[in-house]
Full PDB file with SEQRES, HELIX, SHEET, SSBOND, CRYST1, ORIGX, SCALE, CONECT and MASTER records, all heavy atoms in Angstrom:
SEQRES   1 A   32  GLU HIS GLU LEU LEU ALA ARG GLY ARG ASP HIS GLU HIS          
SEQRES   2 A   32  TYR ARG GLU LYS GLN LEU ARG ARG GLN LEU GLU LYS ILE          
SEQRES   3 A   32  GLN THR ASP GLN LEU PHE                                      
HELIX    1 AA1 GLU A    3  LEU A   19  1                                  17    
HELIX    2 AA2 THR A   28  LEU A   31  5                                   4    
CRYST1    1.000    1.000    1.000  90.00  90.00  90.00 P 1           1          
ORIGX1      1.000000  0.000000  0.000000        0.00000                         
ORIGX2      0.000000  1.000000  0.000000        0.00000                         
ORIGX3      0.000000  0.000000  1.000000        0.00000                         
SCALE1      1.000000  0.000000  0.000000        0.00000                         
SCALE2      0.000000  1.000000  0.000000        0.00000                         
SCALE3      0.000000  0.000000  1.000000        0.00000                         
ATOM      1  N   GLU A   1       0.822  -1.209   0.000  1.00  0.00           N  
ATOM      2  CA  GLU A   1       0.000   0.000   0.000  1.00  0.00           C  
ATOM      3  C   GLU A   1       0.860   1.265   0.000  1.00  0.00           C  
ATOM      4  O   GLU A   1       0.503   2.259  -0.594  1.00  0.00           O  
ATOM      5  CB  GLU A   1      -0.919  -0.011   1.223  1.00  0.00           C  
ATOM      6  CG  GLU A   1      -1.917  -1.158   1.222  1.00  0.00           C  
ATOM      7  CD  GLU A   1      -2.809  -1.121   2.454  1.00  0.00           C  
ATOM      8  OE1 GLU A   1      -2.616  -0.197   3.284  1.00  0.00           O  
ATOM      9  OE2 GLU A   1      -3.672  -1.994   2.594  1.00  0.00           O  
ATOM     10  N   HIS A   2       1.969   1.208   0.681  1.00  0.00           N  
ATOM     11  CA  HIS A   2       2.866   2.353   0.754  1.00  0.00           C  
ATOM     12  C   HIS A   2       4.217   1.930   0.177  1.00  0.00           C  
ATOM     13  O   HIS A   2       5.076   1.423   0.879  1.00  0.00           O  
ATOM     14  CB  HIS A   2       3.009   2.834   2.199  1.00  0.00           C  
ATOM     15  CG  HIS A   2       1.691   3.184   2.826  1.00  0.00           C  
ATOM     16  ND1 HIS A   2       0.987   4.327   2.500  1.00  0.00           N  
ATOM     17  CD2 HIS A   2       0.936   2.520   3.735  1.00  0.00           C  
ATOM     18  CE1 HIS A   2      -0.132   4.369   3.204  1.00  0.00           C  
ATOM     19  NE2 HIS A   2      -0.197   3.286   3.946  1.00  0.00           N  
ATOM     20  N   GLU A   3       4.363   2.150  -1.123  1.00  0.00           N  
ATOM     21  CA  GLU A   3       5.521   1.650  -1.861  1.00  0.00           C  
ATOM     22  C   GLU A   3       6.845   2.098  -1.251  1.00  0.00           C  
ATOM     23  O   GLU A   3       7.746   1.293  -1.032  1.00  0.00           O  
ATOM     24  CB  GLU A   3       5.427   2.130  -3.322  1.00  0.00           C  
ATOM     25  CG  GLU A   3       6.569   1.660  -4.216  1.00  0.00           C  
ATOM     26  CD  GLU A   3       6.404   0.226  -4.654  1.00  0.00           C  
ATOM     27  OE1 GLU A   3       5.325  -0.338  -4.430  1.00  0.00           O  
ATOM     28  OE2 GLU A   3       7.362  -0.334  -5.204  1.00  0.00           O  
ATOM     29  N   LEU A   4       6.971   3.373  -0.956  1.00  0.00           N  
ATOM     30  CA  LEU A   4       8.243   3.896  -0.469  1.00  0.00           C  
ATOM     31  C   LEU A   4       8.609   3.281   0.876  1.00  0.00           C  
ATOM     32  O   LEU A   4       9.751   2.869   1.101  1.00  0.00           O  
ATOM     33  CB  LEU A   4       8.176   5.421  -0.355  1.00  0.00           C  
ATOM     34  CG  LEU A   4       9.485   6.122   0.030  1.00  0.00           C  
ATOM     35  CD1 LEU A   4      10.573   5.804  -0.986  1.00  0.00           C  
ATOM     36  CD2 LEU A   4       9.277   7.634   0.115  1.00  0.00           C  
ATOM     37  N   LEU A   5       7.634   3.211   1.792  1.00  0.00           N  
ATOM     38  CA  LEU A   5       7.910   2.640   3.111  1.00  0.00           C  
ATOM     39  C   LEU A   5       8.256   1.156   2.995  1.00  0.00           C  
ATOM     40  O   LEU A   5       9.157   0.667   3.672  1.00  0.00           O  
ATOM     41  CB  LEU A   5       6.699   2.820   4.023  1.00  0.00           C  
ATOM     42  CG  LEU A   5       6.387   4.249   4.473  1.00  0.00           C  
ATOM     43  CD1 LEU A   5       5.111   4.264   5.300  1.00  0.00           C  
ATOM     44  CD2 LEU A   5       7.549   4.818   5.281  1.00  0.00           C  
ATOM     45  N   ALA A   6       7.534   0.456   2.138  1.00  0.00           N  
ATOM     46  CA  ALA A   6       7.789  -0.971   1.966  1.00  0.00           C  
ATOM     47  C   ALA A   6       9.176  -1.218   1.403  1.00  0.00           C  
ATOM     48  O   ALA A   6       9.910  -2.095   1.871  1.00  0.00           O  
ATOM     49  CB  ALA A   6       6.728  -1.588   1.049  1.00  0.00           C  
ATOM     50  N   ARG A   7       9.558  -0.439   0.385  1.00  0.00           N  
ATOM     51  CA  ARG A   7      10.878  -0.619  -0.203  1.00  0.00           C  
ATOM     52  C   ARG A   7      11.966  -0.236   0.791  1.00  0.00           C  
ATOM     53  O   ARG A   7      13.041  -0.829   0.810  1.00  0.00           O  
ATOM     54  CB  ARG A   7      11.008   0.229  -1.472  1.00  0.00           C  
ATOM     55  CG  ARG A   7      10.063  -0.152  -2.596  1.00  0.00           C  
ATOM     56  CD  ARG A   7      10.475  -1.416  -3.346  1.00  0.00           C  
ATOM     57  NE  ARG A   7      10.416  -2.630  -2.542  1.00  0.00           N  
ATOM     58  CZ  ARG A   7       9.284  -3.240  -2.203  1.00  0.00           C  
ATOM     59  NH1 ARG A   7       8.131  -2.772  -2.605  1.00  0.00           N  
ATOM     60  NH2 ARG A   7       9.306  -4.332  -1.480  1.00  0.00           N  
ATOM     61  N   GLY A   8      11.703   0.776   1.607  1.00  0.00           N  
ATOM     62  CA  GLY A   8      12.685   1.165   2.611  1.00  0.00           C  
ATOM     63  C   GLY A   8      12.932   0.057   3.623  1.00  0.00           C  
ATOM     64  O   GLY A   8      14.074  -0.215   4.003  1.00  0.00           O  
ATOM     65  N   ARG A   9      11.861  -0.597   4.053  1.00  0.00           N  
ATOM     66  CA  ARG A   9      12.009  -1.712   4.993  1.00  0.00           C  
ATOM     67  C   ARG A   9      12.751  -2.877   4.355  1.00  0.00           C  
ATOM     68  O   ARG A   9      13.603  -3.506   4.981  1.00  0.00           O  
ATOM     69  CB  ARG A   9      10.627  -2.155   5.485  1.00  0.00           C  
ATOM     70  CG  ARG A   9       9.971  -1.183   6.468  1.00  0.00           C  
ATOM     71  CD  ARG A   9       8.767  -1.821   7.130  1.00  0.00           C  
ATOM     72  NE  ARG A   9       7.710  -2.093   6.168  1.00  0.00           N  
ATOM     73  CZ  ARG A   9       6.715  -1.240   5.888  1.00  0.00           C  
ATOM     74  NH1 ARG A   9       6.665  -0.059   6.495  1.00  0.00           N  
ATOM     75  NH2 ARG A   9       5.776  -1.564   5.016  1.00  0.00           N  
ATOM     76  N   ASP A  10      12.400  -3.151   3.089  1.00  0.00           N  
ATOM     77  CA  ASP A  10      13.102  -4.224   2.385  1.00  0.00           C  
ATOM     78  C   ASP A  10      14.584  -3.909   2.265  1.00  0.00           C  
ATOM     79  O   ASP A  10      15.445  -4.777   2.455  1.00  0.00           O  
ATOM     80  CB  ASP A  10      12.507  -4.415   0.983  1.00  0.00           C  
ATOM     81  CG  ASP A  10      11.161  -5.122   1.020  1.00  0.00           C  
ATOM     82  OD1 ASP A  10      10.803  -5.646   2.100  1.00  0.00           O  
ATOM     83  OD2 ASP A  10      10.476  -5.135  -0.017  1.00  0.00           O  
ATOM     84  N   HIS A  11      14.875  -2.656   1.897  1.00  0.00           N  
ATOM     85  CA  HIS A  11      16.267  -2.257   1.726  1.00  0.00           C  
ATOM     86  C   HIS A  11      17.049  -2.416   3.023  1.00  0.00           C  
ATOM     87  O   HIS A  11      18.184  -2.922   3.029  1.00  0.00           O  
ATOM     88  CB  HIS A  11      16.341  -0.794   1.254  1.00  0.00           C  
ATOM     89  CG  HIS A  11      17.742  -0.305   1.044  1.00  0.00           C  
ATOM     90  ND1 HIS A  11      18.486   0.265   2.063  1.00  0.00           N  
ATOM     91  CD2 HIS A  11      18.537  -0.315  -0.053  1.00  0.00           C  
ATOM     92  CE1 HIS A  11      19.667   0.595   1.595  1.00  0.00           C  
ATOM     93  NE2 HIS A  11      19.727   0.257   0.319  1.00  0.00           N  
ATOM     94  N   GLU A  12      16.465  -2.018   4.130  1.00  0.00           N  
ATOM     95  CA  GLU A  12      17.139  -2.128   5.418  1.00  0.00           C  
ATOM     96  C   GLU A  12      17.382  -3.596   5.768  1.00  0.00           C  
ATOM     97  O   GLU A  12      18.451  -3.969   6.264  1.00  0.00           O  
ATOM     98  CB  GLU A  12      16.296  -1.461   6.510  1.00  0.00           C  
ATOM     99  CG  GLU A  12      16.933  -1.469   7.884  1.00  0.00           C  
ATOM    100  CD  GLU A  12      18.199  -0.637   7.947  1.00  0.00           C  
ATOM    101  OE1 GLU A  12      18.373   0.258   7.087  1.00  0.00           O  
ATOM    102  OE2 GLU A  12      19.012  -0.870   8.860  1.00  0.00           O  
ATOM    103  N   HIS A  13      16.396  -4.433   5.485  1.00  0.00           N  
ATOM    104  CA  HIS A  13      16.508  -5.859   5.780  1.00  0.00           C  
ATOM    105  C   HIS A  13      17.668  -6.493   5.011  1.00  0.00           C  
ATOM    106  O   HIS A  13      18.517  -7.193   5.592  1.00  0.00           O  
ATOM    107  CB  HIS A  13      15.192  -6.556   5.427  1.00  0.00           C  
ATOM    108  CG  HIS A  13      15.270  -8.050   5.451  1.00  0.00           C  
ATOM    109  ND1 HIS A  13      15.395  -8.775   6.617  1.00  0.00           N  
ATOM    110  CD2 HIS A  13      15.243  -8.958   4.432  1.00  0.00           C  
ATOM    111  CE1 HIS A  13      15.448 -10.064   6.331  1.00  0.00           C  
ATOM    112  NE2 HIS A  13      15.349 -10.205   5.021  1.00  0.00           N  
ATOM    113  N   TYR A  14      17.713  -6.229   3.693  1.00  0.00           N  
ATOM    114  CA  TYR A  14      18.750  -6.845   2.884  1.00  0.00           C  
ATOM    115  C   TYR A  14      20.102  -6.182   3.082  1.00  0.00           C  
ATOM    116  O   TYR A  14      21.152  -6.820   2.920  1.00  0.00           O  
ATOM    117  CB  TYR A  14      18.346  -6.839   1.408  1.00  0.00           C  
ATOM    118  CG  TYR A  14      17.253  -7.829   1.115  1.00  0.00           C  
ATOM    119  CD1 TYR A  14      15.952  -7.411   0.895  1.00  0.00           C  
ATOM    120  CD2 TYR A  14      17.524  -9.193   1.082  1.00  0.00           C  
ATOM    121  CE1 TYR A  14      14.942  -8.327   0.650  1.00  0.00           C  
ATOM    122  CE2 TYR A  14      16.520 -10.113   0.839  1.00  0.00           C  
ATOM    123  CZ  TYR A  14      15.238  -9.674   0.625  1.00  0.00           C  
ATOM    124  OH  TYR A  14      14.238 -10.583   0.387  1.00  0.00           O  
ATOM    125  N   ARG A  15      20.095  -4.911   3.457  1.00  0.00           N  
ATOM    126  CA  ARG A  15      21.354  -4.241   3.774  1.00  0.00           C  
ATOM    127  C   ARG A  15      22.008  -4.885   4.999  1.00  0.00           C  
ATOM    128  O   ARG A  15      23.221  -5.108   5.022  1.00  0.00           O  
ATOM    129  CB  ARG A  15      21.091  -2.748   4.037  1.00  0.00           C  
ATOM    130  CG  ARG A  15      22.326  -1.956   4.476  1.00  0.00           C  
ATOM    131  CD  ARG A  15      23.393  -1.961   3.413  1.00  0.00           C  
ATOM    132  NE  ARG A  15      24.530  -1.136   3.790  1.00  0.00           N  
ATOM    133  CZ  ARG A  15      25.702  -1.149   3.165  1.00  0.00           C  
ATOM    134  NH1 ARG A  15      25.884  -1.963   2.129  1.00  0.00           N  
ATOM    135  NH2 ARG A  15      26.680  -0.374   3.557  1.00  0.00           N  
ATOM    136  N   GLU A  16      21.207  -5.204   6.003  1.00  0.00           N  
ATOM    137  CA  GLU A  16      21.732  -5.878   7.191  1.00  0.00           C  
ATOM    138  C   GLU A  16      22.287  -7.256   6.835  1.00  0.00           C  
ATOM    139  O   GLU A  16      23.337  -7.667   7.337  1.00  0.00           O  
ATOM    140  CB  GLU A  16      20.638  -5.999   8.244  1.00  0.00           C  
ATOM    141  CG  GLU A  16      20.247  -4.668   8.881  1.00  0.00           C  
ATOM    142  CD  GLU A  16      19.117  -4.823   9.883  1.00  0.00           C  
ATOM    143  OE1 GLU A  16      18.640  -5.983  10.055  1.00  0.00           O  
ATOM    144  OE2 GLU A  16      18.718  -3.814  10.486  1.00  0.00           O  
ATOM    145  N   LYS A  17      21.592  -7.971   5.954  1.00  0.00           N  
ATOM    146  CA  LYS A  17      22.074  -9.283   5.543  1.00  0.00           C  
ATOM    147  C   LYS A  17      23.382  -9.170   4.767  1.00  0.00           C  
ATOM    148  O   LYS A  17      24.278 -10.002   4.902  1.00  0.00           O  
ATOM    149  CB  LYS A  17      21.023  -9.992   4.685  1.00  0.00           C  
ATOM    150  CG  LYS A  17      19.730 -10.315   5.422  1.00  0.00           C  
ATOM    151  CD  LYS A  17      18.802 -11.179   4.595  1.00  0.00           C  
ATOM    152  CE  LYS A  17      19.340 -12.583   4.445  1.00  0.00           C  
ATOM    153  NZ  LYS A  17      18.346 -13.490   3.818  1.00  0.00           N  
ATOM    154  N   GLN A  18      23.484  -8.098   3.950  1.00  0.00           N  
ATOM    155  CA  GLN A  18      24.712  -7.891   3.185  1.00  0.00           C  
ATOM    156  C   GLN A  18      25.887  -7.600   4.110  1.00  0.00           C  
ATOM    157  O   GLN A  18      26.992  -8.121   3.913  1.00  0.00           O  
ATOM    158  CB  GLN A  18      24.525  -6.743   2.199  1.00  0.00           C  
ATOM    159  CG  GLN A  18      25.742  -6.513   1.299  1.00  0.00           C  
ATOM    160  CD  GLN A  18      25.507  -5.366   0.335  1.00  0.00           C  
ATOM    161  OE1 GLN A  18      24.887  -4.381   0.681  1.00  0.00           O  
ATOM    162  NE2 GLN A  18      26.007  -5.500  -0.878  1.00  0.00           N  
ATOM    163  N   LEU A  19      25.660  -6.778   5.135  1.00  0.00           N  
ATOM    164  CA  LEU A  19      26.720  -6.462   6.080  1.00  0.00           C  
ATOM    165  C   LEU A  19      27.170  -7.705   6.837  1.00  0.00           C  
ATOM    166  O   LEU A  19      28.337  -7.797   7.235  1.00  0.00           O  
ATOM    167  CB  LEU A  19      26.243  -5.380   7.060  1.00  0.00           C  
ATOM    168  CG  LEU A  19      26.022  -3.985   6.455  1.00  0.00           C  
ATOM    169  CD1 LEU A  19      25.414  -3.049   7.483  1.00  0.00           C  
ATOM    170  CD2 LEU A  19      27.342  -3.414   5.931  1.00  0.00           C  
ATOM    171  N   ARG A  20      26.255  -8.624   7.057  1.00  0.00           N  
ATOM    172  CA  ARG A  20      26.601  -9.880   7.736  1.00  0.00           C  
ATOM    173  C   ARG A  20      27.120 -10.921   6.748  1.00  0.00           C  
ATOM    174  O   ARG A  20      27.330 -12.078   7.128  1.00  0.00           O  
ATOM    175  CB  ARG A  20      25.380 -10.436   8.470  1.00  0.00           C  
ATOM    176  CG  ARG A  20      24.916  -9.567   9.635  1.00  0.00           C  
ATOM    177  CD  ARG A  20      23.954 -10.336  10.541  1.00  0.00           C  
ATOM    178  NE  ARG A  20      22.734 -10.716   9.852  1.00  0.00           N  
ATOM    179  CZ  ARG A  20      21.613  -9.984   9.856  1.00  0.00           C  
ATOM    180  NH1 ARG A  20      21.579  -8.829  10.508  1.00  0.00           N  
ATOM    181  NH2 ARG A  20      20.542 -10.396   9.209  1.00  0.00           N  
ATOM    182  N   ARG A  21      27.308 -10.507   5.490  1.00  0.00           N  
ATOM    183  CA  ARG A  21      27.851 -11.372   4.430  1.00  0.00           C  
ATOM    184  C   ARG A  21      26.978 -12.606   4.215  1.00  0.00           C  
ATOM    185  O   ARG A  21      27.465 -13.687   3.875  1.00  0.00           O  
ATOM    186  CB  ARG A  21      29.292 -11.783   4.738  1.00  0.00           C  
ATOM    187  CG  ARG A  21      30.228 -10.614   4.933  1.00  0.00           C  
ATOM    188  CD  ARG A  21      31.640 -11.080   5.199  1.00  0.00           C  
ATOM    189  NE  ARG A  21      32.235 -11.661   4.003  1.00  0.00           N  
ATOM    190  CZ  ARG A  21      32.808 -10.973   3.013  1.00  0.00           C  
ATOM    191  NH1 ARG A  21      32.852  -9.656   3.076  1.00  0.00           N  
ATOM    192  NH2 ARG A  21      33.327 -11.576   1.967  1.00  0.00           N  
ATOM    193  N   GLN A  22      25.672 -12.439   4.380  1.00  0.00           N  
ATOM    194  CA  GLN A  22      24.746 -13.542   4.158  1.00  0.00           C  
ATOM    195  C   GLN A  22      24.261 -13.613   2.716  1.00  0.00           C  
ATOM    196  O   GLN A  22      23.689 -14.630   2.302  1.00  0.00           O  
ATOM    197  CB  GLN A  22      23.541 -13.417   5.101  1.00  0.00           C  
ATOM    198  CG  GLN A  22      23.898 -13.567   6.569  1.00  0.00           C  
ATOM    199  CD  GLN A  22      22.715 -13.362   7.481  1.00  0.00           C  
ATOM    200  OE1 GLN A  22      21.634 -12.977   7.028  1.00  0.00           O  
ATOM    201  NE2 GLN A  22      22.900 -13.607   8.762  1.00  0.00           N  
ATOM    202  N   LEU A  23      24.449 -12.533   1.961  1.00  0.00           N  
ATOM    203  CA  LEU A  23      24.016 -12.527   0.567  1.00  0.00           C  
ATOM    204  C   LEU A  23      25.139 -13.048  -0.322  1.00  0.00           C  
ATOM    205  O   LEU A  23      26.317 -12.899  -0.024  1.00  0.00           O  
ATOM    206  CB  LEU A  23      23.626 -11.111   0.135  1.00  0.00           C  
ATOM    207  CG  LEU A  23      22.498 -10.454   0.930  1.00  0.00           C  
ATOM    208  CD1 LEU A  23      22.181  -9.087   0.357  1.00  0.00           C  
ATOM    209  CD2 LEU A  23      21.250 -11.328   0.931  1.00  0.00           C  
ATOM    210  N   GLU A  24      24.757 -13.644  -1.419  1.00  0.00           N  
ATOM    211  CA  GLU A  24      25.721 -14.246  -2.327  1.00  0.00           C  
ATOM    212  C   GLU A  24      25.884 -13.396  -3.571  1.00  0.00           C  
ATOM    213  O   GLU A  24      24.902 -13.020  -4.209  1.00  0.00           O  
ATOM    214  CB  GLU A  24      25.256 -15.655  -2.729  1.00  0.00           C  
ATOM    215  CG  GLU A  24      26.191 -16.363  -3.681  1.00  0.00           C  
ATOM    216  CD  GLU A  24      25.675 -17.736  -4.076  1.00  0.00           C  
ATOM    217  OE1 GLU A  24      24.641 -18.166  -3.520  1.00  0.00           O  
ATOM    218  OE2 GLU A  24      26.291 -18.371  -4.932  1.00  0.00           O  
ATOM    219  N   LYS A  25      27.121 -13.061  -3.913  1.00  0.00           N  
ATOM    220  CA  LYS A  25      27.377 -12.350  -5.166  1.00  0.00           C  
ATOM    221  C   LYS A  25      27.325 -13.360  -6.309  1.00  0.00           C  
ATOM    222  O   LYS A  25      27.915 -14.419  -6.251  1.00  0.00           O  
ATOM    223  CB  LYS A  25      28.752 -11.679  -5.139  1.00  0.00           C  
ATOM    224  CG  LYS A  25      28.828 -10.473  -4.236  1.00  0.00           C  
ATOM    225  CD  LYS A  25      30.146  -9.737  -4.420  1.00  0.00           C  
ATOM    226  CE  LYS A  25      30.188  -8.461  -3.593  1.00  0.00           C  
ATOM    227  NZ  LYS A  25      31.440  -7.705  -3.810  1.00  0.00           N  
ATOM    228  N   ILE A  26      26.578 -12.996  -7.352  1.00  0.00           N  
ATOM    229  CA  ILE A  26      26.422 -13.903  -8.473  1.00  0.00           C  
ATOM    230  C   ILE A  26      26.871 -13.234  -9.768  1.00  0.00           C  
ATOM    231  O   ILE A  26      26.882 -12.013  -9.885  1.00  0.00           O  
ATOM    232  CB  ILE A  26      24.963 -14.380  -8.622  1.00  0.00           C  
ATOM    233  CG1 ILE A  26      24.049 -13.202  -8.983  1.00  0.00           C  
ATOM    234  CG2 ILE A  26      24.485 -15.081  -7.364  1.00  0.00           C  
ATOM    235  CD1 ILE A  26      22.634 -13.626  -9.303  1.00  0.00           C  
ATOM    236  N   GLN A  27      27.244 -14.057 -10.725  1.00  0.00           N  
ATOM    237  CA  GLN A  27      27.569 -13.577 -12.056  1.00  0.00           C  
ATOM    238  C   GLN A  27      26.273 -13.330 -12.820  1.00  0.00           C  
ATOM    239  O   GLN A  27      25.237 -13.934 -12.522  1.00  0.00           O  
ATOM    240  CB  GLN A  27      28.428 -14.610 -12.796  1.00  0.00           C  
ATOM    241  CG  GLN A  27      29.743 -14.922 -12.115  1.00  0.00           C  
ATOM    242  CD  GLN A  27      30.652 -13.706 -12.048  1.00  0.00           C  
ATOM    243  OE1 GLN A  27      30.774 -12.949 -13.011  1.00  0.00           O  
ATOM    244  NE2 GLN A  27      31.294 -13.513 -10.900  1.00  0.00           N  
ATOM    245  N   THR A  28      26.345 -12.451 -13.817  1.00  0.00           N  
ATOM    246  CA  THR A  28      25.144 -12.094 -14.562  1.00  0.00           C  
ATOM    247  C   THR A  28      24.470 -13.311 -15.175  1.00  0.00           C  
ATOM    248  O   THR A  28      23.243 -13.436 -15.157  1.00  0.00           O  
ATOM    249  CB  THR A  28      25.493 -11.085 -15.672  1.00  0.00           C  
ATOM    250  OG1 THR A  28      26.171  -9.978 -15.094  1.00  0.00           O  
ATOM    251  CG2 THR A  28      24.232 -10.598 -16.362  1.00  0.00           C  
ATOM    252  N   ASP A  29      25.271 -14.248 -15.715  1.00  0.00           N  
ATOM    253  CA  ASP A  29      24.651 -15.388 -16.383  1.00  0.00           C  
ATOM    254  C   ASP A  29      23.931 -16.312 -15.410  1.00  0.00           C  
ATOM    255  O   ASP A  29      23.093 -17.117 -15.813  1.00  0.00           O  
ATOM    256  CB  ASP A  29      25.673 -16.172 -17.204  1.00  0.00           C  
ATOM    257  CG  ASP A  29      26.848 -16.661 -16.368  1.00  0.00           C  
ATOM    258  OD1 ASP A  29      27.023 -16.152 -15.250  1.00  0.00           O  
ATOM    259  OD2 ASP A  29      27.582 -17.540 -16.845  1.00  0.00           O  
ATOM    260  N   GLN A  30      24.218 -16.189 -14.096  1.00  0.00           N  
ATOM    261  CA  GLN A  30      23.511 -17.011 -13.125  1.00  0.00           C  
ATOM    262  C   GLN A  30      22.045 -16.611 -13.001  1.00  0.00           C  
ATOM    263  O   GLN A  30      21.223 -17.401 -12.531  1.00  0.00           O  
ATOM    264  CB  GLN A  30      24.179 -16.913 -11.750  1.00  0.00           C  
ATOM    265  CG  GLN A  30      25.477 -17.690 -11.638  1.00  0.00           C  
ATOM    266  CD  GLN A  30      26.081 -17.580 -10.262  1.00  0.00           C  
ATOM    267  OE1 GLN A  30      27.074 -16.914 -10.046  1.00  0.00           O  
ATOM    268  NE2 GLN A  30      25.457 -18.233  -9.298  1.00  0.00           N  
ATOM    269  N   LEU A  31      21.704 -15.403 -13.412  1.00  0.00           N  
ATOM    270  CA  LEU A  31      20.302 -14.983 -13.392  1.00  0.00           C  
ATOM    271  C   LEU A  31      19.456 -15.893 -14.265  1.00  0.00           C  
ATOM    272  O   LEU A  31      18.264 -16.072 -14.027  1.00  0.00           O  
ATOM    273  CB  LEU A  31      20.172 -13.540 -13.900  1.00  0.00           C  
ATOM    274  CG  LEU A  31      20.713 -12.432 -12.998  1.00  0.00           C  
ATOM    275  CD1 LEU A  31      20.679 -11.112 -13.740  1.00  0.00           C  
ATOM    276  CD2 LEU A  31      19.922 -12.339 -11.716  1.00  0.00           C  
ATOM    277  N   PHE A  32      20.067 -16.486 -15.278  1.00  0.00           N  
ATOM    278  CA  PHE A  32      19.330 -17.302 -16.235  1.00  0.00           C  
ATOM    279  C   PHE A  32      19.565 -18.789 -16.037  1.00  0.00           C  
ATOM    280  O   PHE A  32      19.220 -19.595 -16.876  1.00  0.00           O  
ATOM    281  CB  PHE A  32      19.724 -16.895 -17.660  1.00  0.00           C  
ATOM    282  CG  PHE A  32      19.475 -15.446 -17.938  1.00  0.00           C  
ATOM    283  CD1 PHE A  32      20.494 -14.514 -17.797  1.00  0.00           C  
ATOM    284  CD2 PHE A  32      18.212 -14.997 -18.289  1.00  0.00           C  
ATOM    285  CE1 PHE A  32      20.257 -13.173 -18.022  1.00  0.00           C  
ATOM    286  CE2 PHE A  32      17.972 -13.662 -18.518  1.00  0.00           C  
ATOM    287  CZ  PHE A  32      18.995 -12.738 -18.384  1.00  0.00           C  
TER     288      PHE A  32                                                      
MASTER        0    0    0    2    0    0    0    6  287    1    0    3          
END                                                                             
């Protein structure tokens, strides 16, 4: 319902995961 607030919460969530090195860096071709 509130796009900006929702995206902000998502961004904070994934930013924390990135800082904890929980996210995986992938190559472009891995998208497919």
